Amino acid sequence: MSNKDAYVKKLEAQLDEWNAEIDLLKAKADKASADAQIEYAKEIDELRSMRDAASSKLSEIKNAADDAWEDLKEGTESAWNSLSQAFKSATSKFK
């Protein structure tokens, strides 16, 4: 397995984990009060938007030539780190 393939698999696994977390947060939001549901919906929408951006970065890496994907890695790492922090922040609000 190439470095690119391993990296893609790692990102795909993280994306799957975030998708599951979004589903879990949505379930918690559905059980909250009406006012809280509005706030949670905003958080979830923001997470989905960031997740979609991260997924787009992943697609760019998948489609990049083997010698060009490293150039995309830095931008992807930045997007991934931002999303990770957003998830930590959002999940702490749901507790």
C-alpha atoms as a PDB file:
ATOM      1  CA  MET A   1       0.000   0.000   0.000  1.00  0.00           C
ATOM      2  CA  SER A   2       1.395   3.370  -0.969  1.00  0.00           C
ATOM      3  CA  ASN A   3       1.667   6.327   1.387  1.00  0.00           C
ATOM      4  CA  LYS A   4      -1.167   7.981  -0.517  1.00  0.00           C
ATOM      5  CA  ASP A   5      -3.442   4.951  -0.124  1.00  0.00           C
ATOM      6  CA  ALA A   6      -2.692   4.712   3.588  1.00  0.00           C
ATOM      7  CA  TYR A   7      -3.333   8.424   4.036  1.00  0.00           C
ATOM      8  CA  VAL A   8      -6.634   8.220   2.142  1.00  0.00           C
ATOM      9  CA  LYS A   9      -7.753   5.259   4.269  1.00  0.00           C
ATOM     10  CA  LYS A  10      -6.901   7.191   7.443  1.00  0.00           C
ATOM     11  CA  LEU A  11      -8.916  10.203   6.291  1.00  0.00           C
ATOM     12  CA  GLU A  12     -11.840   8.036   5.188  1.00  0.00           C
ATOM     13  CA  ALA A  13     -11.943   6.385   8.607  1.00  0.00           C
ATOM     14  CA  GLN A  14     -11.963   9.777  10.326  1.00  0.00           C
ATOM     15  CA  LEU A  15     -14.705  11.014   7.994  1.00  0.00           C
ATOM     16  CA  ASP A  16     -16.806   7.935   8.836  1.00  0.00           C
ATOM     17  CA  GLU A  17     -16.286   8.653  12.529  1.00  0.00           C
ATOM     18  CA  TRP A  18     -17.397  12.265  12.092  1.00  0.00           C
ATOM     19  CA  ASN A  19     -20.477  11.157  10.143  1.00  0.00           C
ATOM     20  CA  ALA A  20     -21.415   8.875  13.033  1.00  0.00           C
ATOM     21  CA  GLU A  21     -20.851  11.702  15.519  1.00  0.00           C
ATOM     22  CA  ILE A  22     -23.093  14.026  13.495  1.00  0.00           C
ATOM     23  CA  ASP A  23     -25.824  11.360  13.560  1.00  0.00           C
ATOM     24  CA  LEU A  24     -25.404  10.986  17.322  1.00  0.00           C
ATOM     25  CA  LEU A  25     -25.546  14.751  17.863  1.00  0.00           C
ATOM     26  CA  LYS A  26     -28.658  14.944  15.683  1.00  0.00           C
ATOM     27  CA  ALA A  27     -30.326  12.279  17.827  1.00  0.00           C
ATOM     28  CA  LYS A  28     -29.433  14.204  20.999  1.00  0.00           C
ATOM     29  CA  ALA A  29     -30.710  17.436  19.466  1.00  0.00           C
ATOM     30  CA  ASP A  30     -34.027  15.809  18.597  1.00  0.00           C
ATOM     31  CA  LYS A  31     -34.534  15.037  22.304  1.00  0.00           C
ATOM     32  CA  ALA A  32     -33.670  18.556  23.481  1.00  0.00           C
ATOM     33  CA  SER A  33     -36.015  21.449  24.196  1.00  0.00           C
ATOM     34  CA  ALA A  34     -37.227  23.564  21.280  1.00  0.00           C
ATOM     35  CA  ASP A  35     -34.813  26.423  22.036  1.00  0.00           C
ATOM     36  CA  ALA A  36     -31.903  24.030  22.375  1.00  0.00           C
ATOM     37  CA  GLN A  37     -32.887  22.289  19.129  1.00  0.00           C
ATOM     38  CA  ILE A  38     -32.476  25.555  17.234  1.00  0.00           C
ATOM     39  CA  GLU A  39     -28.988  26.080  18.639  1.00  0.00           C
ATOM     40  CA  TYR A  40     -28.018  22.457  18.057  1.00  0.00           C
ATOM     41  CA  ALA A  41     -29.313  22.627  14.481  1.00  0.00           C
ATOM     42  CA  LYS A  42     -26.965  25.538  13.804  1.00  0.00           C
ATOM     43  CA  GLU A  43     -24.024  23.602  15.225  1.00  0.00           C
ATOM     44  CA  ILE A  44     -24.899  20.481  13.245  1.00  0.00           C
ATOM     45  CA  ASP A  45     -25.298  22.463  10.016  1.00  0.00           C
ATOM     46  CA  GLU A  46     -21.881  24.029  10.556  1.00  0.00           C
ATOM     47  CA  LEU A  47     -20.336  20.614  11.227  1.00  0.00           C
ATOM     48  CA  ARG A  48     -21.937  19.199   8.086  1.00  0.00           C
ATOM     49  CA  SER A  49     -20.589  22.100   6.047  1.00  0.00           C
ATOM     50  CA  MET A  50     -17.090  21.585   7.434  1.00  0.00           C
ATOM     51  CA  ARG A  51     -17.381  17.839   6.899  1.00  0.00           C
ATOM     52  CA  ASP A  52     -18.359  18.433   3.274  1.00  0.00           C
ATOM     53  CA  ALA A  53     -15.317  20.675   2.810  1.00  0.00           C
ATOM     54  CA  ALA A  54     -13.089  17.987   4.318  1.00  0.00           C
ATOM     55  CA  SER A  55     -14.683  15.389   2.069  1.00  0.00           C
ATOM     56  CA  SER A  56     -13.943  17.611  -0.911  1.00  0.00           C
ATOM     57  CA  LYS A  57     -10.283  17.814   0.135  1.00  0.00           C
ATOM     58  CA  LEU A  58     -10.228  14.034   0.403  1.00  0.00           C
ATOM     59  CA  SER A  59     -11.610  13.737  -3.135  1.00  0.00           C
ATOM     60  CA  GLU A  60      -8.875  16.065  -4.390  1.00  0.00           C
ATOM     61  CA  ILE A  61      -6.235  13.831  -2.845  1.00  0.00           C
ATOM     62  CA  LYS A  62      -7.839  10.681  -4.232  1.00  0.00           C
ATOM     63  CA  ASN A  63      -7.863  12.180  -7.722  1.00  0.00           C
ATOM     64  CA  ALA A  64      -4.374  13.676  -7.543  1.00  0.00           C
ATOM     65  CA  ALA A  65      -1.498  12.020  -9.319  1.00  0.00           C
ATOM     66  CA  ASP A  66       0.782   9.982  -7.088  1.00  0.00           C
ATOM     67  CA  ASP A  67       3.509  12.598  -7.297  1.00  0.00           C
ATOM     68  CA  ALA A  68       1.156  15.571  -6.668  1.00  0.00           C
ATOM     69  CA  TRP A  69      -0.931  14.471  -3.689  1.00  0.00           C
ATOM     70  CA  GLU A  70       1.743  15.497  -1.191  1.00  0.00           C
ATOM     71  CA  ASP A  71       1.198  19.120  -2.270  1.00  0.00           C
ATOM     72  CA  LEU A  72      -2.455  18.832  -1.225  1.00  0.00           C
ATOM     73  CA  LYS A  73      -1.668  17.178   2.084  1.00  0.00           C
ATOM     74  CA  GLU A  74      -0.923  20.412   3.984  1.00  0.00           C
ATOM     75  CA  GLY A  75      -4.254  22.033   3.074  1.00  0.00           C
ATOM     76  CA  THR A  76      -6.051  18.836   3.933  1.00  0.00           C
ATOM     77  CA  GLU A  77      -4.343  18.623   7.304  1.00  0.00           C
ATOM     78  CA  SER A  78      -5.437  22.184   8.056  1.00  0.00           C
ATOM     79  CA  ALA A  79      -9.065  21.434   7.138  1.00  0.00           C
ATOM     80  CA  TRP A  80      -8.981  18.216   9.151  1.00  0.00           C
ATOM     81  CA  ASN A  81      -7.579  19.967  12.232  1.00  0.00           C
ATOM     82  CA  SER A  82     -10.230  22.701  12.030  1.00  0.00           C
ATOM     83  CA  LEU A  83     -12.979  20.126  11.742  1.00  0.00           C
ATOM     84  CA  SER A  84     -11.587  18.112  14.610  1.00  0.00           C
ATOM     85  CA  GLN A  85     -11.594  21.184  16.858  1.00  0.00           C
ATOM     86  CA  ALA A  86     -15.139  22.068  15.754  1.00  0.00           C
ATOM     87  CA  PHE A  87     -16.328  18.579  16.622  1.00  0.00           C
ATOM     88  CA  LYS A  88     -14.740  18.762  20.058  1.00  0.00           C
ATOM     89  CA  SER A  89     -16.364  22.139  20.662  1.00  0.00           C
ATOM     90  CA  ALA A  90     -19.791  21.030  19.421  1.00  0.00           C
ATOM     91  CA  THR A  91     -19.817  17.774  21.329  1.00  0.00           C
ATOM     92  CA  SER A  92     -18.934  19.590  24.540  1.00  0.00           C
ATOM     93  CA  LYS A  93     -21.992  21.828  24.038  1.00  0.00           C
ATOM     94  CA  PHE A  94     -24.240  18.794  23.691  1.00  0.00           C
ATOM     95  CA  LYS A  95     -23.292  17.330  27.069  1.00  0.00           C
END
